[in-house]
């Protein structure tokens, strides 16, 4: 059972990684990062059944970070959209040094 859940978690994480690499829309990339965080949460919950409660505590902290990331990330994306009228990351040369 645990191998199936970990395999599903790995597939979801790979889908999220491919989405971040392939897509150029900042909102889609943001959603793919959230998908990666959920895949990690699924792995933590699956492993916590065998290792103890520590995995569930890690899930709590990852969800807290994801909520903060969602608030700050969406604020940045909205700010960029208001300034440039697009969320396509190819046009964001001002983010480079």
PDB file of N, CA and C in Angstrom:
ATOM      1  N   UNK A   1       0.818  -1.199   0.000  1.00  0.00           N
ATOM      2  CA  UNK A   1       0.000   0.000   0.000  1.00  0.00           C
ATOM      3  C   UNK A   1       0.860   1.261   0.000  1.00  0.00           C
ATOM      4  N   UNK A   2       1.911   1.276   0.839  1.00  0.00           N
ATOM      5  CA  UNK A   2       2.732   2.484   0.930  1.00  0.00           C
ATOM      6  C   UNK A   2       3.481   2.732  -0.373  1.00  0.00           C
ATOM      7  N   UNK A   3       3.872   1.682  -1.055  1.00  0.00           N
ATOM      8  CA  UNK A   3       4.594   1.875  -2.318  1.00  0.00           C
ATOM      9  C   UNK A   3       3.690   2.505  -3.369  1.00  0.00           C
ATOM     10  N   UNK A   4       2.426   2.140  -3.367  1.00  0.00           N
ATOM     11  CA  UNK A   4       1.491   2.730  -4.322  1.00  0.00           C
ATOM     12  C   UNK A   4       1.280   4.212  -4.049  1.00  0.00           C
ATOM     13  N   UNK A   5       1.166   4.571  -2.778  1.00  0.00           N
ATOM     14  CA  UNK A   5       0.965   5.973  -2.418  1.00  0.00           C
ATOM     15  C   UNK A   5       2.221   6.786  -2.731  1.00  0.00           C
ATOM     16  N   UNK A   6       3.395   6.230  -2.438  1.00  0.00           N
ATOM     17  CA  UNK A   6       4.635   6.936  -2.760  1.00  0.00           C
ATOM     18  C   UNK A   6       4.837   7.056  -4.269  1.00  0.00           C
ATOM     19  N   UNK A   7       4.423   6.046  -5.000  1.00  0.00           N
ATOM     20  CA  UNK A   7       4.494   6.120  -6.462  1.00  0.00           C
ATOM     21  C   UNK A   7       3.573   7.210  -6.993  1.00  0.00           C
ATOM     22  N   UNK A   8       2.368   7.297  -6.449  1.00  0.00           N
ATOM     23  CA  UNK A   8       1.438   8.356  -6.837  1.00  0.00           C
ATOM     24  C   UNK A   8       2.010   9.727  -6.489  1.00  0.00           C
ATOM     25  N   UNK A   9       2.615   9.827  -5.324  1.00  0.00           N
ATOM     26  CA  UNK A   9       3.238  11.088  -4.915  1.00  0.00           C
ATOM     27  C   UNK A   9       4.355  11.469  -5.875  1.00  0.00           C
ATOM     28  N   UNK A  10       5.161  10.500  -6.283  1.00  0.00           N
ATOM     29  CA  UNK A  10       6.250  10.779  -7.224  1.00  0.00           C
ATOM     30  C   UNK A  10       5.717  11.229  -8.571  1.00  0.00           C
ATOM     31  N   UNK A  11       4.649  10.612  -9.033  1.00  0.00           N
ATOM     32  CA  UNK A  11       4.047  11.002 -10.322  1.00  0.00           C
ATOM     33  C   UNK A  11       3.512  12.429 -10.249  1.00  0.00           C
ATOM     34  N   UNK A  12       2.830  12.760  -9.164  1.00  0.00           N
ATOM     35  CA  UNK A  12       2.292  14.111  -9.004  1.00  0.00           C
ATOM     36  C   UNK A  12       3.428  15.129  -8.946  1.00  0.00           C
ATOM     37  N   UNK A  13       4.514  14.783  -8.252  1.00  0.00           N
ATOM     38  CA  UNK A  13       5.650  15.696  -8.159  1.00  0.00           C
ATOM     39  C   UNK A  13       6.299  15.910  -9.523  1.00  0.00           C
ATOM     40  N   UNK A  14       6.424  14.859 -10.313  1.00  0.00           N
ATOM     41  CA  UNK A  14       7.014  14.976 -11.647  1.00  0.00           C
ATOM     42  C   UNK A  14       6.127  15.824 -12.554  1.00  0.00           C
ATOM     43  N   UNK A  15       4.814  15.663 -12.454  1.00  0.00           N
ATOM     44  CA  UNK A  15       3.896  16.491 -13.237  1.00  0.00           C
ATOM     45  C   UNK A  15       4.067  17.965 -12.858  1.00  0.00           C
ATOM     46  N   UNK A  16       4.179  18.241 -11.573  1.00  0.00           N
ATOM     47  CA  UNK A  16       4.395  19.619 -11.126  1.00  0.00           C
ATOM     48  C   UNK A  16       5.719  20.173 -11.612  1.00  0.00           C
ATOM     49  N   UNK A  17       6.767  19.351 -11.578  1.00  0.00           N
ATOM     50  CA  UNK A  17       8.078  19.790 -12.044  1.00  0.00           C
ATOM     51  C   UNK A  17       8.057  20.083 -13.541  1.00  0.00           C
ATOM     52  N   UNK A  18       7.445  19.201 -14.304  1.00  0.00           N
ATOM     53  CA  UNK A  18       7.334  19.437 -15.750  1.00  0.00           C
ATOM     54  C   UNK A  18       6.527  20.700 -16.041  1.00  0.00           C
ATOM     55  N   UNK A  19       5.495  20.949 -15.255  1.00  0.00           N
ATOM     56  CA  UNK A  19       4.707  22.161 -15.435  1.00  0.00           C
ATOM     57  C   UNK A  19       5.508  23.414 -15.190  1.00  0.00           C
ATOM     58  N   UNK A  20       6.385  23.391 -14.181  1.00  0.00           N
ATOM     59  CA  UNK A  20       7.221  24.558 -13.901  1.00  0.00           C
ATOM     60  C   UNK A  20       8.247  24.759 -15.011  1.00  0.00           C
ATOM     61  N   UNK A  21       8.794  23.667 -15.513  1.00  0.00           N
ATOM     62  CA  UNK A  21       9.835  23.764 -16.546  1.00  0.00           C
ATOM     63  C   UNK A  21       9.253  24.166 -17.899  1.00  0.00           C
ATOM     64  N   UNK A  22       8.123  23.600 -18.272  1.00  0.00           N
ATOM     65  CA  UNK A  22       7.587  23.766 -19.626  1.00  0.00           C
ATOM     66  C   UNK A  22       6.753  25.035 -19.785  1.00  0.00           C
ATOM     67  N   UNK A  23       5.911  25.337 -18.821  1.00  0.00           N
ATOM     68  CA  UNK A  23       4.972  26.443 -18.975  1.00  0.00           C
ATOM     69  C   UNK A  23       5.641  27.783 -18.727  1.00  0.00           C
ATOM     70  N   UNK A  24       5.156  28.819 -19.380  1.00  0.00           N
ATOM     71  CA  UNK A  24       5.708  30.169 -19.235  1.00  0.00           C
ATOM     72  C   UNK A  24       4.745  31.113 -18.526  1.00  0.00           C
ATOM     73  N   UNK A  25       3.539  30.679 -18.273  1.00  0.00           N
ATOM     74  CA  UNK A  25       2.556  31.504 -17.582  1.00  0.00           C
ATOM     75  C   UNK A  25       2.839  31.438 -16.079  1.00  0.00           C
ATOM     76  N   UNK A  26       2.991  32.592 -15.442  1.00  0.00           N
ATOM     77  CA  UNK A  26       3.370  32.632 -14.034  1.00  0.00           C
ATOM     78  C   UNK A  26       2.313  31.993 -13.138  1.00  0.00           C
ATOM     79  N   UNK A  27       1.056  32.130 -13.476  1.00  0.00           N
ATOM     80  CA  UNK A  27      -0.001  31.541 -12.649  1.00  0.00           C
ATOM     81  C   UNK A  27       0.029  30.020 -12.750  1.00  0.00           C
ATOM     82  N   UNK A  28       0.238  29.487 -13.946  1.00  0.00           N
ATOM     83  CA  UNK A  28       0.330  28.037 -14.121  1.00  0.00           C
ATOM     84  C   UNK A  28       1.566  27.500 -13.395  1.00  0.00           C
ATOM     85  N   UNK A  29       2.666  28.230 -13.478  1.00  0.00           N
ATOM     86  CA  UNK A  29       3.872  27.811 -12.757  1.00  0.00           C
ATOM     87  C   UNK A  29       3.623  27.806 -11.250  1.00  0.00           C
ATOM     88  N   UNK A  30       2.916  28.798 -10.780  1.00  0.00           N
ATOM     89  CA  UNK A  30       2.574  28.900  -9.371  1.00  0.00           C
ATOM     90  C   UNK A  30       1.720  27.707  -8.943  1.00  0.00           C
ATOM     91  N   UNK A  31       0.747  27.334  -9.759  1.00  0.00           N
ATOM     92  CA  UNK A  31      -0.100  26.180  -9.448  1.00  0.00           C
ATOM     93  C   UNK A  31       0.699  24.882  -9.474  1.00  0.00           C
ATOM     94  N   UNK A  32       1.671  24.786 -10.358  1.00  0.00           N
ATOM     95  CA  UNK A  32       2.504  23.581 -10.423  1.00  0.00           C
ATOM     96  C   UNK A  32       3.396  23.466  -9.189  1.00  0.00           C
ATOM     97  N   UNK A  33       3.851  24.581  -8.662  1.00  0.00           N
ATOM     98  CA  UNK A  33       4.619  24.552  -7.412  1.00  0.00           C
ATOM     99  C   UNK A  33       3.727  24.086  -6.266  1.00  0.00           C
ATOM    100  N   UNK A  34       2.489  24.529  -6.255  1.00  0.00           N
ATOM    101  CA  UNK A  34       1.541  24.057  -5.248  1.00  0.00           C
ATOM    102  C   UNK A  34       1.302  22.555  -5.399  1.00  0.00           C
ATOM    103  N   UNK A  35       1.269  22.071  -6.634  1.00  0.00           N
ATOM    104  CA  UNK A  35       1.111  20.638  -6.887  1.00  0.00           C
ATOM    105  C   UNK A  35       2.296  19.858  -6.328  1.00  0.00           C
ATOM    106  N   UNK A  36       3.489  20.402  -6.464  1.00  0.00           N
ATOM    107  CA  UNK A  36       4.673  19.769  -5.896  1.00  0.00           C
ATOM    108  C   UNK A  36       4.584  19.710  -4.370  1.00  0.00           C
ATOM    109  N   UNK A  37       4.152  20.788  -3.758  1.00  0.00           N
ATOM    110  CA  UNK A  37       4.010  20.799  -2.300  1.00  0.00           C
ATOM    111  C   UNK A  37       2.975  19.775  -1.837  1.00  0.00           C
ATOM    112  N   UNK A  38       1.889  19.620  -2.579  1.00  0.00           N
ATOM    113  CA  UNK A  38       0.887  18.626  -2.216  1.00  0.00           C
ATOM    114  C   UNK A  38       1.411  17.213  -2.388  1.00  0.00           C
ATOM    115  N   UNK A  39       2.267  16.986  -3.380  1.00  0.00           N
ATOM    116  CA  UNK A  39       2.872  15.664  -3.558  1.00  0.00           C
ATOM    117  C   UNK A  39       3.776  15.319  -2.377  1.00  0.00           C
ATOM    118  N   UNK A  40       4.518  16.305  -1.908  1.00  0.00           N
ATOM    119  CA  UNK A  40       5.371  16.082  -0.737  1.00  0.00           C
ATOM    120  C   UNK A  40       4.514  15.812   0.493  1.00  0.00           C
ATOM    121  N   UNK A  41       3.418  16.535   0.640  1.00  0.00           N
ATOM    122  CA  UNK A  41       2.511  16.292   1.761  1.00  0.00           C
ATOM    123  C   UNK A  41       1.956  14.879   1.729  1.00  0.00           C
ATOM    124  N   UNK A  42       1.602  14.407   0.550  1.00  0.00           N
ATOM    125  CA  UNK A  42       1.084  13.040   0.410  1.00  0.00           C
ATOM    126  C   UNK A  42       2.140  12.026   0.837  1.00  0.00           C
ATOM    127  N   UNK A  43       3.384  12.243   0.454  1.00  0.00           N
ATOM    128  CA  UNK A  43       4.462  11.341   0.868  1.00  0.00           C
ATOM    129  C   UNK A  43       4.666  11.383   2.376  1.00  0.00           C
ATOM    130  N   UNK A  44       4.616  12.578   2.964  1.00  0.00           N
ATOM    131  CA  UNK A  44       4.776  12.686   4.419  1.00  0.00           C
ATOM    132  C   UNK A  44       3.666  11.953   5.162  1.00  0.00           C
ATOM    133  N   UNK A  45       2.439  12.095   4.690  1.00  0.00           N
ATOM    134  CA  UNK A  45       1.319  11.419   5.356  1.00  0.00           C
ATOM    135  C   UNK A  45       1.447   9.914   5.210  1.00  0.00           C
ATOM    136  N   UNK A  46       1.852   9.454   4.030  1.00  0.00           N
ATOM    137  CA  UNK A  46       2.018   8.017   3.829  1.00  0.00           C
ATOM    138  C   UNK A  46       3.111   7.455   4.729  1.00  0.00           C
ATOM    139  N   UNK A  47       4.204   8.174   4.847  1.00  0.00           N
ATOM    140  CA  UNK A  47       5.307   7.691   5.676  1.00  0.00           C
ATOM    141  C   UNK A  47       5.038   7.855   7.168  1.00  0.00           C
ATOM    142  N   UNK A  48       4.178   8.799   7.540  1.00  0.00           N
ATOM    143  CA  UNK A  48       3.892   9.005   8.961  1.00  0.00           C
ATOM    144  C   UNK A  48       3.109   7.835   9.550  1.00  0.00           C
ATOM    145  N   UNK A  49       2.434   7.104   8.711  1.00  0.00           N
ATOM    146  CA  UNK A  49       1.702   5.951   9.199  1.00  0.00           C
ATOM    147  C   UNK A  49       2.660   4.889   9.738  1.00  0.00           C
ATOM    148  N   UNK A  50       3.841   4.823   9.146  1.00  0.00           N
ATOM    149  CA  UNK A  50       4.819   3.833   9.561  1.00  0.00           C
ATOM    150  C   UNK A  50       5.871   4.408  10.515  1.00  0.00           C
ATOM    151  N   UNK A  51       6.152   5.686  10.427  1.00  0.00           N
ATOM    152  CA  UNK A  51       7.228   6.276  11.219  1.00  0.00           C
ATOM    153  C   UNK A  51       6.737   6.987  12.479  1.00  0.00           C
ATOM    154  N   UNK A  52       5.490   7.308  12.544  1.00  0.00           N
ATOM    155  CA  UNK A  52       4.976   8.023  13.711  1.00  0.00           C
ATOM    156  C   UNK A  52       4.367   9.355  13.308  1.00  0.00           C
ATOM    157  N   UNK A  53       4.097  10.169  14.282  1.00  0.00           N
ATOM    158  CA  UNK A  53       3.370  11.421  14.098  1.00  0.00           C
ATOM    159  C   UNK A  53       4.216  12.507  13.453  1.00  0.00           C
ATOM    160  N   UNK A  54       5.535  12.348  13.369  1.00  0.00           N
ATOM    161  CA  UNK A  54       6.411  13.410  12.874  1.00  0.00           C
ATOM    162  C   UNK A  54       6.058  13.821  11.450  1.00  0.00           C
ATOM    163  N   UNK A  55       5.675  12.871  10.624  1.00  0.00           N
ATOM    164  CA  UNK A  55       5.310  13.188   9.238  1.00  0.00           C
ATOM    165  C   UNK A  55       4.116  14.115   9.168  1.00  0.00           C
ATOM    166  N   UNK A  56       3.147  13.904  10.050  1.00  0.00           N
ATOM    167  CA  UNK A  56       1.976  14.769  10.059  1.00  0.00           C
ATOM    168  C   UNK A  56       2.331  16.172  10.537  1.00  0.00           C
ATOM    169  N   UNK A  57       3.301  16.287  11.423  1.00  0.00           N
ATOM    170  CA  UNK A  57       3.761  17.611  11.844  1.00  0.00           C
ATOM    171  C   UNK A  57       4.448  18.335  10.686  1.00  0.00           C
ATOM    172  N   UNK A  58       5.227  17.590   9.894  1.00  0.00           N
ATOM    173  CA  UNK A  58       5.859  18.189   8.725  1.00  0.00           C
ATOM    174  C   UNK A  58       4.806  18.672   7.738  1.00  0.00           C
ATOM    175  N   UNK A  59       3.724  17.916   7.577  1.00  0.00           N
ATOM    176  CA  UNK A  59       2.639  18.327   6.682  1.00  0.00           C
ATOM    177  C   UNK A  59       2.041  19.641   7.157  1.00  0.00           C
ATOM    178  N   UNK A  60       1.863  19.783   8.450  1.00  0.00           N
ATOM    179  CA  UNK A  60       1.321  21.023   9.000  1.00  0.00           C
ATOM    180  C   UNK A  60       2.223  22.205   8.646  1.00  0.00           C
ATOM    181  N   UNK A  61       3.538  22.030   8.800  1.00  0.00           N
ATOM    182  CA  UNK A  61       4.469  23.116   8.489  1.00  0.00           C
ATOM    183  C   UNK A  61       4.517  23.401   6.988  1.00  0.00           C
ATOM    184  N   UNK A  62       4.459  22.371   6.158  1.00  0.00           N
ATOM    185  CA  UNK A  62       4.457  22.582   4.703  1.00  0.00           C
ATOM    186  C   UNK A  62       3.200  23.321   4.279  1.00  0.00           C
ATOM    187  N   UNK A  63       2.061  22.989   4.886  1.00  0.00           N
ATOM    188  CA  UNK A  63       0.820  23.689   4.551  1.00  0.00           C
ATOM    189  C   UNK A  63       0.881  25.152   4.999  1.00  0.00           C
ATOM    190  N   UNK A  64       1.538  25.416   6.110  1.00  0.00           N
ATOM    191  CA  UNK A  64       1.710  26.797   6.565  1.00  0.00           C
ATOM    192  C   UNK A  64       2.558  27.586   5.588  1.00  0.00           C
ATOM    193  N   UNK A  65       3.651  26.981   5.135  1.00  0.00           N
ATOM    194  CA  UNK A  65       4.512  27.636   4.150  1.00  0.00           C
ATOM    195  C   UNK A  65       3.769  27.831   2.839  1.00  0.00           C
ATOM    196  N   UNK A  66       2.963  26.857   2.439  1.00  0.00           N
ATOM    197  CA  UNK A  66       2.203  26.978   1.194  1.00  0.00           C
ATOM    198  C   UNK A  66       1.189  28.119   1.278  1.00  0.00           C
ATOM    199  N   UNK A  67       0.582  28.305   2.436  1.00  0.00           N
ATOM    200  CA  UNK A  67      -0.372  29.402   2.588  1.00  0.00           C
ATOM    201  C   UNK A  67       0.338  30.749   2.503  1.00  0.00           C
ATOM    202  N   UNK A  68       1.494  30.850   3.123  1.00  0.00           N
ATOM    203  CA  UNK A  68       2.261  32.099   3.044  1.00  0.00           C
ATOM    204  C   UNK A  68       2.751  32.334   1.619  1.00  0.00           C
ATOM    205  N   UNK A  69       3.182  31.262   0.968  1.00  0.00           N
ATOM    206  CA  UNK A  69       3.628  31.381  -0.423  1.00  0.00           C
ATOM    207  C   UNK A  69       2.482  31.817  -1.327  1.00  0.00           C
ATOM    208  N   UNK A  70       1.309  31.295  -1.083  1.00  0.00           N
ATOM    209  CA  UNK A  70       0.154  31.666  -1.900  1.00  0.00           C
ATOM    210  C   UNK A  70      -0.160  33.149  -1.748  1.00  0.00           C
ATOM    211  N   UNK A  71      -0.112  33.644  -0.537  1.00  0.00           N
ATOM    212  CA  UNK A  71      -0.415  35.056  -0.312  1.00  0.00           C
ATOM    213  C   UNK A  71       0.625  35.965  -0.947  1.00  0.00           C
ATOM    214  N   UNK A  72       1.892  35.682  -0.698  1.00  0.00           N
ATOM    215  CA  UNK A  72       2.965  36.532  -1.225  1.00  0.00           C
ATOM    216  C   UNK A  72       3.106  36.344  -2.734  1.00  0.00           C
ATOM    217  N   UNK A  73       3.053  35.107  -3.191  1.00  0.00           N
ATOM    218  CA  UNK A  73       3.208  34.828  -4.623  1.00  0.00           C
ATOM    219  C   UNK A  73       2.116  35.458  -5.461  1.00  0.00           C
ATOM    220  N   UNK A  74       0.878  35.331  -5.027  1.00  0.00           N
ATOM    221  CA  UNK A  74      -0.212  35.949  -5.789  1.00  0.00           C
ATOM    222  C   UNK A  74      -0.121  37.468  -5.754  1.00  0.00           C
ATOM    223  N   UNK A  75       0.327  38.033  -4.655  1.00  0.00           N
ATOM    224  CA  UNK A  75       0.506  39.491  -4.599  1.00  0.00           C
ATOM    225  C   UNK A  75       1.568  39.947  -5.591  1.00  0.00           C
ATOM    226  N   UNK A  76       2.651  39.197  -5.698  1.00  0.00           N
ATOM    227  CA  UNK A  76       3.700  39.543  -6.663  1.00  0.00           C
ATOM    228  C   UNK A  76       3.193  39.391  -8.083  1.00  0.00           C
ATOM    229  N   UNK A  77       2.472  38.315  -8.369  1.00  0.00           N
ATOM    230  CA  UNK A  77       1.945  38.099  -9.718  1.00  0.00           C
ATOM    231  C   UNK A  77       0.952  39.194 -10.094  1.00  0.00           C
ATOM    232  N   UNK A  78       0.094  39.592  -9.172  1.00  0.00           N
ATOM    233  CA  UNK A  78      -0.863  40.667  -9.453  1.00  0.00           C
ATOM    234  C   UNK A  78      -0.137  41.984  -9.679  1.00  0.00           C
ATOM    235  N   UNK A  79       0.891  42.251  -8.903  1.00  0.00           N
ATOM    236  CA  UNK A  79       1.673  43.472  -9.086  1.00  0.00           C
ATOM    237  C   UNK A  79       2.356  43.497 -10.448  1.00  0.00           C
ATOM    238  N   UNK A  80       2.924  42.395 -10.855  1.00  0.00           N
ATOM    239  CA  UNK A  80       3.559  42.319 -12.174  1.00  0.00           C
ATOM    240  C   UNK A  80       2.524  42.475 -13.277  1.00  0.00           C
ATOM    241  N   UNK A  81       1.357  41.868 -13.103  1.00  0.00           N
ATOM    242  CA  UNK A  81       0.309  41.992 -14.115  1.00  0.00           C
ATOM    243  C   UNK A  81      -0.170  43.439 -14.238  1.00  0.00           C
ATOM    244  N   UNK A  82      -0.313  44.122 -13.136  1.00  0.00           N
ATOM    245  CA  UNK A  82      -0.755  45.521 -13.196  1.00  0.00           C
ATOM    246  C   UNK A  82       0.268  46.408 -13.891  1.00  0.00           C
ATOM    247  N   UNK A  83       1.533  46.072 -13.750  1.00  0.00           N
ATOM    248  CA  UNK A  83       2.593  46.885 -14.341  1.00  0.00           C
ATOM    249  C   UNK A  83       2.806  46.562 -15.819  1.00  0.00           C
ATOM    250  N   UNK A  84       2.763  45.264 -16.177  1.00  0.00           N
ATOM    251  CA  UNK A  84       3.107  44.844 -17.539  1.00  0.00           C
ATOM    252  C   UNK A  84       1.929  44.324 -18.354  1.00  0.00           C
ATOM    253  N   UNK A  85       0.783  44.133 -17.749  1.00  0.00           N
ATOM    254  CA  UNK A  85      -0.420  43.624 -18.415  1.00  0.00           C
ATOM    255  C   UNK A  85      -0.219  42.221 -19.002  1.00  0.00           C
ATOM    256  N   UNK A  86       0.696  41.449 -18.448  1.00  0.00           N
ATOM    257  CA  UNK A  86       0.904  40.075 -18.861  1.00  0.00           C
ATOM    258  C   UNK A  86       1.530  39.300 -17.705  1.00  0.00           C
ATOM    259  N   UNK A  87       1.332  37.992 -17.711  1.00  0.00           N
ATOM    260  CA  UNK A  87       1.972  37.134 -16.719  1.00  0.00           C
ATOM    261  C   UNK A  87       2.855  36.088 -17.402  1.00  0.00           C
ATOM    262  N   UNK A  88       3.224  36.329 -18.660  1.00  0.00           N
ATOM    263  CA  UNK A  88       4.130  35.443 -19.374  1.00  0.00           C
ATOM    264  C   UNK A  88       5.549  35.750 -18.905  1.00  0.00           C
ATOM    265  N   UNK A  89       6.250  34.744 -18.410  1.00  0.00           N
ATOM    266  CA  UNK A  89       7.534  34.972 -17.757  1.00  0.00           C
ATOM    267  C   UNK A  89       8.650  35.332 -18.733  1.00  0.00           C
ATOM    268  N   UNK A  90       8.481  35.111 -20.016  1.00  0.00           N
ATOM    269  CA  UNK A  90       9.508  35.496 -20.984  1.00  0.00           C
ATOM    270  C   UNK A  90       9.689  37.008 -21.040  1.00  0.00           C
ATOM    271  N   UNK A  91       8.679  37.756 -20.663  1.00  0.00           N
ATOM    272  CA  UNK A  91       8.713  39.210 -20.738  1.00  0.00           C
ATOM    273  C   UNK A  91       9.241  39.870 -19.464  1.00  0.00           C
ATOM    274  N   UNK A  92       9.654  39.092 -18.482  1.00  0.00           N
ATOM    275  CA  UNK A  92      10.054  39.644 -17.195  1.00  0.00           C
ATOM    276  C   UNK A  92      11.564  39.831 -17.128  1.00  0.00           C
ATOM    277  N   UNK A  93      12.122  40.674 -17.948  1.00  0.00           N
ATOM    278  CA  UNK A  93      13.562  40.892 -17.916  1.00  0.00           C
ATOM    279  C   UNK A  93      13.978  41.741 -16.717  1.00  0.00           C
ATOM    280  N   UNK A  94      13.055  42.451 -16.095  1.00  0.00           N
ATOM    281  CA  UNK A  94      13.396  43.286 -14.954  1.00  0.00           C
ATOM    282  C   UNK A  94      13.663  42.452 -13.698  1.00  0.00           C
ATOM    283  N   UNK A  95      13.381  41.158 -13.711  1.00  0.00           N
ATOM    284  CA  UNK A  95      13.658  40.313 -12.557  1.00  0.00           C
ATOM    285  C   UNK A  95      15.102  39.819 -12.553  1.00  0.00           C
ATOM    286  N   UNK A  96      15.843  40.041 -13.627  1.00  0.00           N
ATOM    287  CA  UNK A  96      17.235  39.606 -13.703  1.00  0.00           C
ATOM    288  C   UNK A  96      18.135  40.679 -13.117  1.00  0.00           C
ATOM    289  N   UNK A  97      19.346  40.277 -12.730  1.00  0.00           N
ATOM    290  CA  UNK A  97      20.319  41.221 -12.166  1.00  0.00           C
ATOM    291  C   UNK A  97      20.848  42.083 -13.222  1.00  0.00           C
TER     292      UNK A  97
END
